[in-house]
All heavy atoms as atom14 arrays in JSON, in Angstrom:
{
  "sequence": "CAASISVFSAYTMAWYRQAPGKQRELVAVITSGGSTNYPDSVKGRFTI",
  "atom14_mask": [
    [1, 1, 1, 1, 1, 1, 0, 0, 0, 0, 0, 0, 0, 0],
    [1, 1, 1, 1, 1, 0, 0, 0, 0, 0, 0, 0, 0, 0],
    [1, 1, 1, 1, 1, 0, 0, 0, 0, 0, 0, 0, 0, 0],
    [1, 1, 1, 1, 1, 1, 0, 0, 0, 0, 0, 0, 0, 0],
    [1, 1, 1, 1, 1, 1, 1, 1, 0, 0, 0, 0, 0, 0],
    [1, 1, 1, 1, 1, 1, 0, 0, 0, 0, 0, 0, 0, 0],
    [1, 1, 1, 1, 1, 1, 1, 0, 0, 0, 0, 0, 0, 0],
    [1, 1, 1, 1, 1, 1, 1, 1, 1, 1, 1, 0, 0, 0],
    [1, 1, 1, 1, 1, 1, 0, 0, 0, 0, 0, 0, 0, 0],
    [1, 1, 1, 1, 1, 0, 0, 0, 0, 0, 0, 0, 0, 0],
    [1, 1, 1, 1, 1, 1, 1, 1, 1, 1, 1, 1, 0, 0],
    [1, 1, 1, 1, 1, 1, 1, 0, 0, 0, 0, 0, 0, 0],
    [1, 1, 1, 1, 1, 1, 1, 1, 0, 0, 0, 0, 0, 0],
    [1, 1, 1, 1, 1, 0, 0, 0, 0, 0, 0, 0, 0, 0],
    [1, 1, 1, 1, 1, 1, 1, 1, 1, 1, 1, 1, 1, 1],
    [1, 1, 1, 1, 1, 1, 1, 1, 1, 1, 1, 1, 0, 0],
    [1, 1, 1, 1, 1, 1, 1, 1, 1, 1, 1, 0, 0, 0],
    [1, 1, 1, 1, 1, 1, 1, 1, 1, 0, 0, 0, 0, 0],
    [1, 1, 1, 1, 1, 0, 0, 0, 0, 0, 0, 0, 0, 0],
    [1, 1, 1, 1, 1, 1, 1, 0, 0, 0, 0, 0, 0, 0],
    [1, 1, 1, 1, 0, 0, 0, 0, 0, 0, 0, 0, 0, 0],
    [1, 1, 1, 1, 1, 1, 1, 1, 1, 0, 0, 0, 0, 0],
    [1, 1, 1, 1, 1, 1, 1, 1, 1, 0, 0, 0, 0, 0],
    [1, 1, 1, 1, 1, 1, 1, 1, 1, 1, 1, 0, 0, 0],
    [1, 1, 1, 1, 1, 1, 1, 1, 1, 0, 0, 0, 0, 0],
    [1, 1, 1, 1, 1, 1, 1, 1, 0, 0, 0, 0, 0, 0],
    [1, 1, 1, 1, 1, 1, 1, 0, 0, 0, 0, 0, 0, 0],
    [1, 1, 1, 1, 1, 0, 0, 0, 0, 0, 0, 0, 0, 0],
    [1, 1, 1, 1, 1, 1, 1, 0, 0, 0, 0, 0, 0, 0],
    [1, 1, 1, 1, 1, 1, 1, 1, 0, 0, 0, 0, 0, 0],
    [1, 1, 1, 1, 1, 1, 1, 0, 0, 0, 0, 0, 0, 0],
    [1, 1, 1, 1, 1, 1, 0, 0, 0, 0, 0, 0, 0, 0],
    [1, 1, 1, 1, 0, 0, 0, 0, 0, 0, 0, 0, 0, 0],
    [1, 1, 1, 1, 0, 0, 0, 0, 0, 0, 0, 0, 0, 0],
    [1, 1, 1, 1, 1, 1, 0, 0, 0, 0, 0, 0, 0, 0],
    [1, 1, 1, 1, 1, 1, 1, 0, 0, 0, 0, 0, 0, 0],
    [1, 1, 1, 1, 1, 1, 1, 1, 0, 0, 0, 0, 0, 0],
    [1, 1, 1, 1, 1, 1, 1, 1, 1, 1, 1, 1, 0, 0],
    [1, 1, 1, 1, 1, 1, 1, 0, 0, 0, 0, 0, 0, 0],
    [1, 1, 1, 1, 1, 1, 1, 1, 0, 0, 0, 0, 0, 0],
    [1, 1, 1, 1, 1, 1, 0, 0, 0, 0, 0, 0, 0, 0],
    [1, 1, 1, 1, 1, 1, 1, 0, 0, 0, 0, 0, 0, 0],
    [1, 1, 1, 1, 1, 1, 1, 1, 1, 0, 0, 0, 0, 0],
    [1, 1, 1, 1, 0, 0, 0, 0, 0, 0, 0, 0, 0, 0],
    [1, 1, 1, 1, 1, 1, 1, 1, 1, 1, 1, 0, 0, 0],
    [1, 1, 1, 1, 1, 1, 1, 1, 1, 1, 1, 0, 0, 0],
    [1, 1, 1, 1, 1, 1, 1, 0, 0, 0, 0, 0, 0, 0],
    [1, 1, 1, 1, 1, 1, 1, 1, 0, 0, 0, 0, 0, 0]
  ],
  "atom14_positions": [
    [[13.18, -56.04, 131.23], [13.62, -57.48, 130.94], [13.81, -57.61, 129.41], [12.88, -57.3, 128.66], [12.55, -58.39, 131.36], [12.71, -60.05, 130.82], [0.0, 0.0, 0.0], [0.0, 0.0, 0.0], [0.0, 0.0, 0.0], [0.0, 0.0, 0.0], [0.0, 0.0, 0.0], [0.0, 0.0, 0.0], [0.0, 0.0, 0.0], [0.0, 0.0, 0.0]],
    [[14.97, -58.02, 128.99], [15.24, -58.29, 127.57], [14.98, -59.79, 127.37], [15.76, -60.55, 128.11], [16.72, -57.85, 127.25], [0.0, 0.0, 0.0], [0.0, 0.0, 0.0], [0.0, 0.0, 0.0], [0.0, 0.0, 0.0], [0.0, 0.0, 0.0], [0.0, 0.0, 0.0], [0.0, 0.0, 0.0], [0.0, 0.0, 0.0], [0.0, 0.0, 0.0]],
    [[14.2, -60.12, 126.41], [13.97, -61.5, 126.11], [14.32, -61.91, 124.74], [13.78, -61.41, 123.78], [12.4, -61.76, 126.37], [0.0, 0.0, 0.0], [0.0, 0.0, 0.0], [0.0, 0.0, 0.0], [0.0, 0.0, 0.0], [0.0, 0.0, 0.0], [0.0, 0.0, 0.0], [0.0, 0.0, 0.0], [0.0, 0.0, 0.0], [0.0, 0.0, 0.0]],
    [[15.13, -62.89, 124.75], [15.68, -63.38, 123.41], [14.74, -64.57, 123.0], [15.15, -65.7, 123.02], [17.15, -63.84, 123.41], [17.3, -64.84, 124.32], [0.0, 0.0, 0.0], [0.0, 0.0, 0.0], [0.0, 0.0, 0.0], [0.0, 0.0, 0.0], [0.0, 0.0, 0.0], [0.0, 0.0, 0.0], [0.0, 0.0, 0.0], [0.0, 0.0, 0.0]],
    [[13.4, -64.23, 122.6], [12.41, -65.26, 122.22], [11.98, -64.94, 120.84], [11.73, -63.76, 120.46], [11.28, -65.16, 123.18], [11.66, -65.36, 124.6], [10.26, -66.25, 122.75], [10.58, -65.08, 125.6], [0.0, 0.0, 0.0], [0.0, 0.0, 0.0], [0.0, 0.0, 0.0], [0.0, 0.0, 0.0], [0.0, 0.0, 0.0], [0.0, 0.0, 0.0]],
    [[12.13, -65.88, 119.9], [11.82, -65.65, 118.57], [10.36, -65.26, 118.31], [10.04, -64.47, 117.37], [12.2, -66.84, 117.65], [11.41, -68.02, 118.13], [0.0, 0.0, 0.0], [0.0, 0.0, 0.0], [0.0, 0.0, 0.0], [0.0, 0.0, 0.0], [0.0, 0.0, 0.0], [0.0, 0.0, 0.0], [0.0, 0.0, 0.0], [0.0, 0.0, 0.0]],
    [[9.48, -65.79, 119.03], [7.97, -65.35, 118.88], [7.5, -64.67, 120.11], [6.45, -64.96, 120.68], [7.16, -66.57, 118.6], [7.45, -67.09, 117.18], [7.51, -67.81, 119.62], [0.0, 0.0, 0.0], [0.0, 0.0, 0.0], [0.0, 0.0, 0.0], [0.0, 0.0, 0.0], [0.0, 0.0, 0.0], [0.0, 0.0, 0.0], [0.0, 0.0, 0.0]],
    [[8.32, -63.67, 120.55], [8.06, -63.03, 121.8], [6.66, -62.39, 121.9], [5.95, -62.48, 122.9], [9.11, -61.85, 122.03], [8.8, -60.98, 123.05], [9.17, -61.33, 124.37], [8.16, -59.73, 122.87], [8.91, -60.51, 125.52], [7.96, -58.8, 124.0], [8.27, -59.29, 125.28], [0.0, 0.0, 0.0], [0.0, 0.0, 0.0], [0.0, 0.0, 0.0]],
    [[6.22, -61.96, 120.68], [4.89, -61.15, 120.75], [3.74, -62.24, 121.0], [2.63, -61.66, 121.39], [4.63, -60.52, 119.34], [4.68, -61.51, 118.32], [0.0, 0.0, 0.0], [0.0, 0.0, 0.0], [0.0, 0.0, 0.0], [0.0, 0.0, 0.0], [0.0, 0.0, 0.0], [0.0, 0.0, 0.0], [0.0, 0.0, 0.0], [0.0, 0.0, 0.0]],
    [[3.93, -63.47, 120.87], [2.95, -64.46, 121.08], [2.81, -64.81, 122.61], [1.89, -65.48, 122.96], [3.05, -65.62, 120.3], [0.0, 0.0, 0.0], [0.0, 0.0, 0.0], [0.0, 0.0, 0.0], [0.0, 0.0, 0.0], [0.0, 0.0, 0.0], [0.0, 0.0, 0.0], [0.0, 0.0, 0.0], [0.0, 0.0, 0.0], [0.0, 0.0, 0.0]],
    [[3.76, -64.55, 123.35], [3.85, -64.95, 124.67], [3.07, -64.03, 125.69], [3.33, -62.78, 125.58], [5.36, -65.08, 125.25], [5.99, -66.33, 124.91], [6.56, -66.51, 123.59], [6.2, -67.31, 125.84], [7.23, -67.67, 123.26], [6.85, -68.55, 125.61], [7.45, -68.7, 124.22], [7.98, -69.81, 123.95], [0.0, 0.0, 0.0], [0.0, 0.0, 0.0]],
    [[2.47, -64.63, 126.63], [2.01, -63.9, 127.75], [3.27, -63.74, 128.67], [3.9, -64.76, 128.91], [0.92, -64.56, 128.57], [-0.32, -64.45, 127.86], [0.65, -63.94, 129.9], [0.0, 0.0, 0.0], [0.0, 0.0, 0.0], [0.0, 0.0, 0.0], [0.0, 0.0, 0.0], [0.0, 0.0, 0.0], [0.0, 0.0, 0.0], [0.0, 0.0, 0.0]],
    [[3.59, -62.6, 129.1], [4.76, -62.35, 129.93], [4.42, -61.96, 131.33], [3.22, -61.39, 131.55], [5.79, -61.36, 129.31], [6.38, -61.87, 127.91], [7.26, -63.36, 128.06], [8.71, -62.72, 129.09], [0.0, 0.0, 0.0], [0.0, 0.0, 0.0], [0.0, 0.0, 0.0], [0.0, 0.0, 0.0], [0.0, 0.0, 0.0], [0.0, 0.0, 0.0]],
    [[5.25, -62.06, 132.29], [5.02, -61.71, 133.61], [6.27, -61.38, 134.31], [7.34, -61.75, 134.06], [4.31, -62.98, 134.33], [0.0, 0.0, 0.0], [0.0, 0.0, 0.0], [0.0, 0.0, 0.0], [0.0, 0.0, 0.0], [0.0, 0.0, 0.0], [0.0, 0.0, 0.0], [0.0, 0.0, 0.0], [0.0, 0.0, 0.0], [0.0, 0.0, 0.0]],
    [[6.02, -60.65, 135.4], [7.05, -60.39, 136.46], [6.72, -61.12, 137.73], [5.59, -61.25, 138.15], [7.21, -58.94, 136.77], [7.89, -58.03, 135.7], [7.3, -57.48, 134.63], [9.28, -57.85, 135.57], [8.25, -56.84, 133.98], [9.55, -57.06, 134.48], [10.38, -58.29, 136.41], [10.75, -56.63, 134.15], [11.62, -57.85, 135.97], [11.88, -57.07, 134.83]],
    [[7.83, -61.72, 138.33], [7.67, -62.41, 139.55], [8.67, -61.79, 140.56], [9.63, -61.12, 140.17], [8.06, -63.87, 139.43], [7.21, -64.56, 138.43], [7.53, -64.49, 136.96], [6.27, -65.55, 138.74], [6.72, -65.2, 136.05], [5.56, -66.26, 137.83], [5.82, -66.15, 136.47], [5.03, -66.76, 135.57], [0.0, 0.0, 0.0], [0.0, 0.0, 0.0]],
    [[8.59, -62.21, 141.81], [9.52, -61.68, 142.81], [9.64, -62.9, 143.84], [8.82, -63.58, 144.16], [9.13, -60.41, 143.4], [7.91, -60.41, 144.41], [7.58, -59.05, 144.79], [6.44, -58.95, 145.67], [5.77, -57.88, 146.08], [6.31, -56.68, 145.76], [4.68, -58.0, 146.91], [0.0, 0.0, 0.0], [0.0, 0.0, 0.0], [0.0, 0.0, 0.0]],
    [[10.86, -62.85, 144.47], [11.19, -63.71, 145.57], [11.89, -62.98, 146.62], [13.07, -62.58, 146.33], [11.9, -64.92, 145.04], [12.0, -66.07, 146.07], [12.54, -67.38, 145.56], [13.1, -67.43, 144.45], [12.2, -68.44, 146.17], [0.0, 0.0, 0.0], [0.0, 0.0, 0.0], [0.0, 0.0, 0.0], [0.0, 0.0, 0.0], [0.0, 0.0, 0.0]],
    [[11.25, -63.01, 147.83], [11.86, -62.42, 148.94], [12.58, -63.51, 149.7], [12.21, -64.63, 149.58], [10.89, -61.73, 149.82], [0.0, 0.0, 0.0], [0.0, 0.0, 0.0], [0.0, 0.0, 0.0], [0.0, 0.0, 0.0], [0.0, 0.0, 0.0], [0.0, 0.0, 0.0], [0.0, 0.0, 0.0], [0.0, 0.0, 0.0], [0.0, 0.0, 0.0]],
    [[13.52, -63.22, 150.52], [14.3, -64.19, 151.37], [13.41, -64.99, 152.15], [12.55, -64.49, 152.89], [15.2, -63.24, 152.18], [15.44, -62.02, 151.37], [14.19, -61.83, 150.73], [0.0, 0.0, 0.0], [0.0, 0.0, 0.0], [0.0, 0.0, 0.0], [0.0, 0.0, 0.0], [0.0, 0.0, 0.0], [0.0, 0.0, 0.0], [0.0, 0.0, 0.0]],
    [[13.61, -66.29, 152.04], [12.76, -67.25, 152.85], [11.23, -67.33, 152.43], [10.54, -68.05, 153.01], [0.0, 0.0, 0.0], [0.0, 0.0, 0.0], [0.0, 0.0, 0.0], [0.0, 0.0, 0.0], [0.0, 0.0, 0.0], [0.0, 0.0, 0.0], [0.0, 0.0, 0.0], [0.0, 0.0, 0.0], [0.0, 0.0, 0.0], [0.0, 0.0, 0.0]],
    [[10.93, -66.81, 151.24], [9.64, -66.91, 150.74], [9.53, -67.49, 149.35], [10.63, -67.57, 148.65], [8.93, -65.53, 150.77], [8.82, -64.94, 152.1], [7.94, -63.65, 151.96], [7.67, -62.97, 153.4], [6.84, -61.85, 153.34], [0.0, 0.0, 0.0], [0.0, 0.0, 0.0], [0.0, 0.0, 0.0], [0.0, 0.0, 0.0], [0.0, 0.0, 0.0]],
    [[8.43, -68.04, 149.02], [8.23, -68.59, 147.64], [8.24, -67.4, 146.61], [7.78, -66.31, 146.91], [7.02, -69.45, 147.67], [7.11, -70.78, 148.36], [5.97, -71.68, 147.98], [4.89, -71.21, 147.76], [6.11, -73.06, 148.19], [0.0, 0.0, 0.0], [0.0, 0.0, 0.0], [0.0, 0.0, 0.0], [0.0, 0.0, 0.0], [0.0, 0.0, 0.0]],
    [[8.58, -67.78, 145.41], [8.35, -66.88, 144.36], [6.87, -66.7, 144.09], [6.19, -67.53, 144.07], [9.12, -67.49, 143.0], [9.16, -66.5, 141.94], [10.09, -67.13, 140.75], [11.45, -67.29, 141.12], [12.24, -68.14, 140.49], [11.86, -68.8, 139.5], [13.58, -68.19, 140.96], [0.0, 0.0, 0.0], [0.0, 0.0, 0.0], [0.0, 0.0, 0.0]],
    [[6.57, -65.34, 143.84], [5.17, -64.91, 143.6], [5.04, -64.04, 142.41], [6.0, -63.31, 141.97], [4.53, -64.27, 144.81], [5.37, -62.91, 145.11], [4.63, -62.05, 146.14], [3.35, -62.35, 146.46], [5.27, -61.22, 146.86], [0.0, 0.0, 0.0], [0.0, 0.0, 0.0], [0.0, 0.0, 0.0], [0.0, 0.0, 0.0], [0.0, 0.0, 0.0]],
    [[3.92, -64.13, 141.76], [3.6, -63.44, 140.5], [3.17, -62.03, 140.97], [2.29, -61.92, 141.85], [2.5, -64.22, 139.75], [2.04, -63.63, 138.46], [3.07, -63.77, 137.47], [0.73, -64.21, 138.01], [0.0, 0.0, 0.0], [0.0, 0.0, 0.0], [0.0, 0.0, 0.0], [0.0, 0.0, 0.0], [0.0, 0.0, 0.0], [0.0, 0.0, 0.0]],
    [[3.78, -61.14, 140.28], [3.39, -59.62, 140.6], [2.72, -58.99, 139.49], [2.12, -57.9, 139.68], [4.49, -58.89, 141.24], [4.96, -59.43, 142.48], [5.67, -58.68, 140.2], [0.0, 0.0, 0.0], [0.0, 0.0, 0.0], [0.0, 0.0, 0.0], [0.0, 0.0, 0.0], [0.0, 0.0, 0.0], [0.0, 0.0, 0.0], [0.0, 0.0, 0.0]],
    [[2.85, -59.44, 138.38], [2.23, -58.73, 137.15], [2.28, -59.66, 135.89], [3.24, -60.31, 135.69], [3.01, -57.44, 136.8], [0.0, 0.0, 0.0], [0.0, 0.0, 0.0], [0.0, 0.0, 0.0], [0.0, 0.0, 0.0], [0.0, 0.0, 0.0], [0.0, 0.0, 0.0], [0.0, 0.0, 0.0], [0.0, 0.0, 0.0], [0.0, 0.0, 0.0]],
    [[1.16, -59.49, 135.19], [1.05, -60.31, 133.9], [0.58, -59.49, 132.75], [-0.3, -58.6, 133.05], [0.03, -61.48, 134.09], [-0.13, -62.34, 132.81], [0.41, -62.3, 135.29], [0.0, 0.0, 0.0], [0.0, 0.0, 0.0], [0.0, 0.0, 0.0], [0.0, 0.0, 0.0], [0.0, 0.0, 0.0], [0.0, 0.0, 0.0], [0.0, 0.0, 0.0]],
    [[1.11, -59.58, 131.63], [0.63, -59.0, 130.45], [0.49, -60.0, 129.26], [1.44, -60.73, 128.9], [1.59, -57.79, 129.98], [0.97, -56.93, 128.8], [3.06, -58.14, 129.71], [1.56, -55.57, 128.66], [0.0, 0.0, 0.0], [0.0, 0.0, 0.0], [0.0, 0.0, 0.0], [0.0, 0.0, 0.0], [0.0, 0.0, 0.0], [0.0, 0.0, 0.0]],
    [[-0.69, -60.01, 128.68], [-0.91, -60.94, 127.57], [-0.39, -60.43, 126.26], [0.13, -59.32, 126.19], [-2.49, -61.14, 127.39], [-3.0, -59.94, 126.88], [-3.2, -61.51, 128.7], [0.0, 0.0, 0.0], [0.0, 0.0, 0.0], [0.0, 0.0, 0.0], [0.0, 0.0, 0.0], [0.0, 0.0, 0.0], [0.0, 0.0, 0.0], [0.0, 0.0, 0.0]],
    [[-0.43, -61.33, 125.27], [0.05, -60.92, 123.98], [-0.7, -59.67, 123.41], [-0.24, -58.87, 122.63], [0.03, -62.05, 122.99], [-1.28, -62.61, 122.84], [0.0, 0.0, 0.0], [0.0, 0.0, 0.0], [0.0, 0.0, 0.0], [0.0, 0.0, 0.0], [0.0, 0.0, 0.0], [0.0, 0.0, 0.0], [0.0, 0.0, 0.0], [0.0, 0.0, 0.0]],
    [[-1.98, -59.63, 123.89], [-2.85, -58.51, 123.41], [-2.76, -57.33, 124.24], [-3.42, -56.32, 123.96], [0.0, 0.0, 0.0], [0.0, 0.0, 0.0], [0.0, 0.0, 0.0], [0.0, 0.0, 0.0], [0.0, 0.0, 0.0], [0.0, 0.0, 0.0], [0.0, 0.0, 0.0], [0.0, 0.0, 0.0], [0.0, 0.0, 0.0], [0.0, 0.0, 0.0]],
    [[-1.92, -57.35, 125.31], [-1.78, -56.11, 126.1], [-2.59, -56.08, 127.35], [-2.47, -55.05, 128.17], [0.0, 0.0, 0.0], [0.0, 0.0, 0.0], [0.0, 0.0, 0.0], [0.0, 0.0, 0.0], [0.0, 0.0, 0.0], [0.0, 0.0, 0.0], [0.0, 0.0, 0.0], [0.0, 0.0, 0.0], [0.0, 0.0, 0.0], [0.0, 0.0, 0.0]],
    [[-3.42, -57.05, 127.59], [-4.23, -56.98, 128.83], [-3.33, -57.35, 129.98], [-2.44, -58.16, 129.89], [-5.41, -58.12, 128.74], [-6.21, -57.77, 127.74], [0.0, 0.0, 0.0], [0.0, 0.0, 0.0], [0.0, 0.0, 0.0], [0.0, 0.0, 0.0], [0.0, 0.0, 0.0], [0.0, 0.0, 0.0], [0.0, 0.0, 0.0], [0.0, 0.0, 0.0]],
    [[-3.56, -56.63, 131.12], [-2.81, -56.86, 132.32], [-3.55, -57.25, 133.5], [-4.8, -57.06, 133.54], [-2.06, -55.45, 132.64], [-3.09, -54.46, 132.87], [-1.2, -55.04, 131.53], [0.0, 0.0, 0.0], [0.0, 0.0, 0.0], [0.0, 0.0, 0.0], [0.0, 0.0, 0.0], [0.0, 0.0, 0.0], [0.0, 0.0, 0.0], [0.0, 0.0, 0.0]],
    [[-2.86, -57.9, 134.42], [-3.43, -58.24, 135.72], [-2.44, -58.21, 136.81], [-1.17, -58.38, 136.61], [-4.0, -59.69, 135.6], [-5.06, -60.04, 136.6], [-5.57, -59.11, 137.33], [-5.43, -61.32, 136.74], [0.0, 0.0, 0.0], [0.0, 0.0, 0.0], [0.0, 0.0, 0.0], [0.0, 0.0, 0.0], [0.0, 0.0, 0.0], [0.0, 0.0, 0.0]],
    [[-2.87, -57.96, 138.05], [-2.05, -57.66, 139.1], [-2.67, -58.39, 140.4], [-3.82, -58.22, 140.55], [-1.8, -56.25, 139.36], [-1.29, -55.48, 138.24], [-2.26, -54.84, 137.47], [0.12, -55.3, 137.9], [-1.85, -54.1, 136.31], [0.52, -54.62, 136.89], [-0.51, -54.07, 136.03], [-0.03, -53.31, 134.99], [0.0, 0.0, 0.0], [0.0, 0.0, 0.0]],
    [[-1.83, -58.84, 141.39], [-2.39, -59.23, 142.66], [-2.78, -57.89, 143.51], [-2.28, -56.94, 143.16], [-1.36, -60.01, 143.29], [-0.01, -59.38, 142.7], [-0.47, -59.18, 141.29], [0.0, 0.0, 0.0], [0.0, 0.0, 0.0], [0.0, 0.0, 0.0], [0.0, 0.0, 0.0], [0.0, 0.0, 0.0], [0.0, 0.0, 0.0], [0.0, 0.0, 0.0]],
    [[-3.63, -58.18, 144.38], [-4.04, -56.93, 145.2], [-2.89, -56.31, 145.85], [-2.82, -55.04, 146.11], [-5.13, -57.35, 146.32], [-6.38, -57.72, 145.7], [-6.68, -57.37, 144.54], [-7.17, -58.31, 146.35], [0.0, 0.0, 0.0], [0.0, 0.0, 0.0], [0.0, 0.0, 0.0], [0.0, 0.0, 0.0], [0.0, 0.0, 0.0], [0.0, 0.0, 0.0]],
    [[-1.79, -56.99, 146.15], [-0.69, -56.41, 146.96], [0.08, -55.33, 146.06], [0.73, -54.51, 146.72], [0.37, -57.6, 147.32], [0.76, -58.25, 146.18], [0.0, 0.0, 0.0], [0.0, 0.0, 0.0], [0.0, 0.0, 0.0], [0.0, 0.0, 0.0], [0.0, 0.0, 0.0], [0.0, 0.0, 0.0], [0.0, 0.0, 0.0], [0.0, 0.0, 0.0]],
    [[-0.09, -55.41, 144.77], [0.62, -54.3, 143.95], [-0.23, -53.55, 143.17], [0.14, -52.56, 142.41], [1.75, -55.03, 143.18], [2.76, -55.77, 144.0], [1.17, -55.83, 141.91], [0.0, 0.0, 0.0], [0.0, 0.0, 0.0], [0.0, 0.0, 0.0], [0.0, 0.0, 0.0], [0.0, 0.0, 0.0], [0.0, 0.0, 0.0], [0.0, 0.0, 0.0]],
    [[-1.48, -53.92, 143.14], [-2.44, -53.15, 142.28], [-2.61, -51.75, 142.47], [-2.67, -51.33, 143.68], [-3.88, -53.92, 142.3], [-4.82, -53.44, 141.23], [-6.29, -54.24, 141.4], [-5.91, -55.79, 141.08], [-7.15, -56.49, 141.14], [0.0, 0.0, 0.0], [0.0, 0.0, 0.0], [0.0, 0.0, 0.0], [0.0, 0.0, 0.0], [0.0, 0.0, 0.0]],
    [[-2.43, -50.89, 141.48], [-2.49, -49.42, 141.61], [-1.13, -48.91, 141.78], [-0.93, -47.59, 141.76], [0.0, 0.0, 0.0], [0.0, 0.0, 0.0], [0.0, 0.0, 0.0], [0.0, 0.0, 0.0], [0.0, 0.0, 0.0], [0.0, 0.0, 0.0], [0.0, 0.0, 0.0], [0.0, 0.0, 0.0], [0.0, 0.0, 0.0], [0.0, 0.0, 0.0]],
    [[-0.07, -49.72, 142.11], [1.19, -49.26, 142.32], [2.22, -49.68, 141.17], [3.13, -48.97, 140.82], [1.76, -49.66, 143.67], [0.93, -49.29, 144.87], [1.62, -49.61, 146.12], [1.8, -51.01, 146.33], [3.06, -51.62, 146.49], [4.12, -50.83, 146.48], [3.09, -52.88, 146.75], [0.0, 0.0, 0.0], [0.0, 0.0, 0.0], [0.0, 0.0, 0.0]],
    [[1.99, -50.9, 140.75], [2.9, -51.41, 139.73], [2.21, -51.43, 138.24], [0.94, -51.72, 138.25], [3.19, -52.86, 139.98], [4.16, -53.08, 141.17], [4.51, -52.04, 141.99], [4.79, -54.34, 141.41], [5.37, -52.17, 143.18], [5.64, -54.53, 142.43], [5.93, -53.51, 143.28], [0.0, 0.0, 0.0], [0.0, 0.0, 0.0], [0.0, 0.0, 0.0]],
    [[2.96, -51.22, 137.21], [2.31, -51.22, 135.85], [3.36, -51.96, 135.04], [4.5, -51.67, 134.94], [2.25, -49.83, 135.32], [1.32, -49.06, 136.25], [1.65, -49.91, 133.9], [0.0, 0.0, 0.0], [0.0, 0.0, 0.0], [0.0, 0.0, 0.0], [0.0, 0.0, 0.0], [0.0, 0.0, 0.0], [0.0, 0.0, 0.0], [0.0, 0.0, 0.0]],
    [[2.86, -52.98, 134.36], [3.58, -53.82, 133.41], [3.27, -53.32, 132.0], [2.2, -52.97, 131.66], [3.31, -55.36, 133.65], [4.24, -56.21, 132.81], [1.84, -55.67, 133.26], [4.11, -57.68, 132.99], [0.0, 0.0, 0.0], [0.0, 0.0, 0.0], [0.0, 0.0, 0.0], [0.0, 0.0, 0.0], [0.0, 0.0, 0.0], [0.0, 0.0, 0.0]]
  ]
}
């Protein structure tokens, strides 16, 4: 993901996904400091 944000480093960023007929869901988060978090559905398989 290329982000044209002037203060990008200050943002917590995340990946989301949306399957057909379903709501968008959060799949990975990374803070400005590099801490990460994942839902159980992708934990251990996805890395942000």
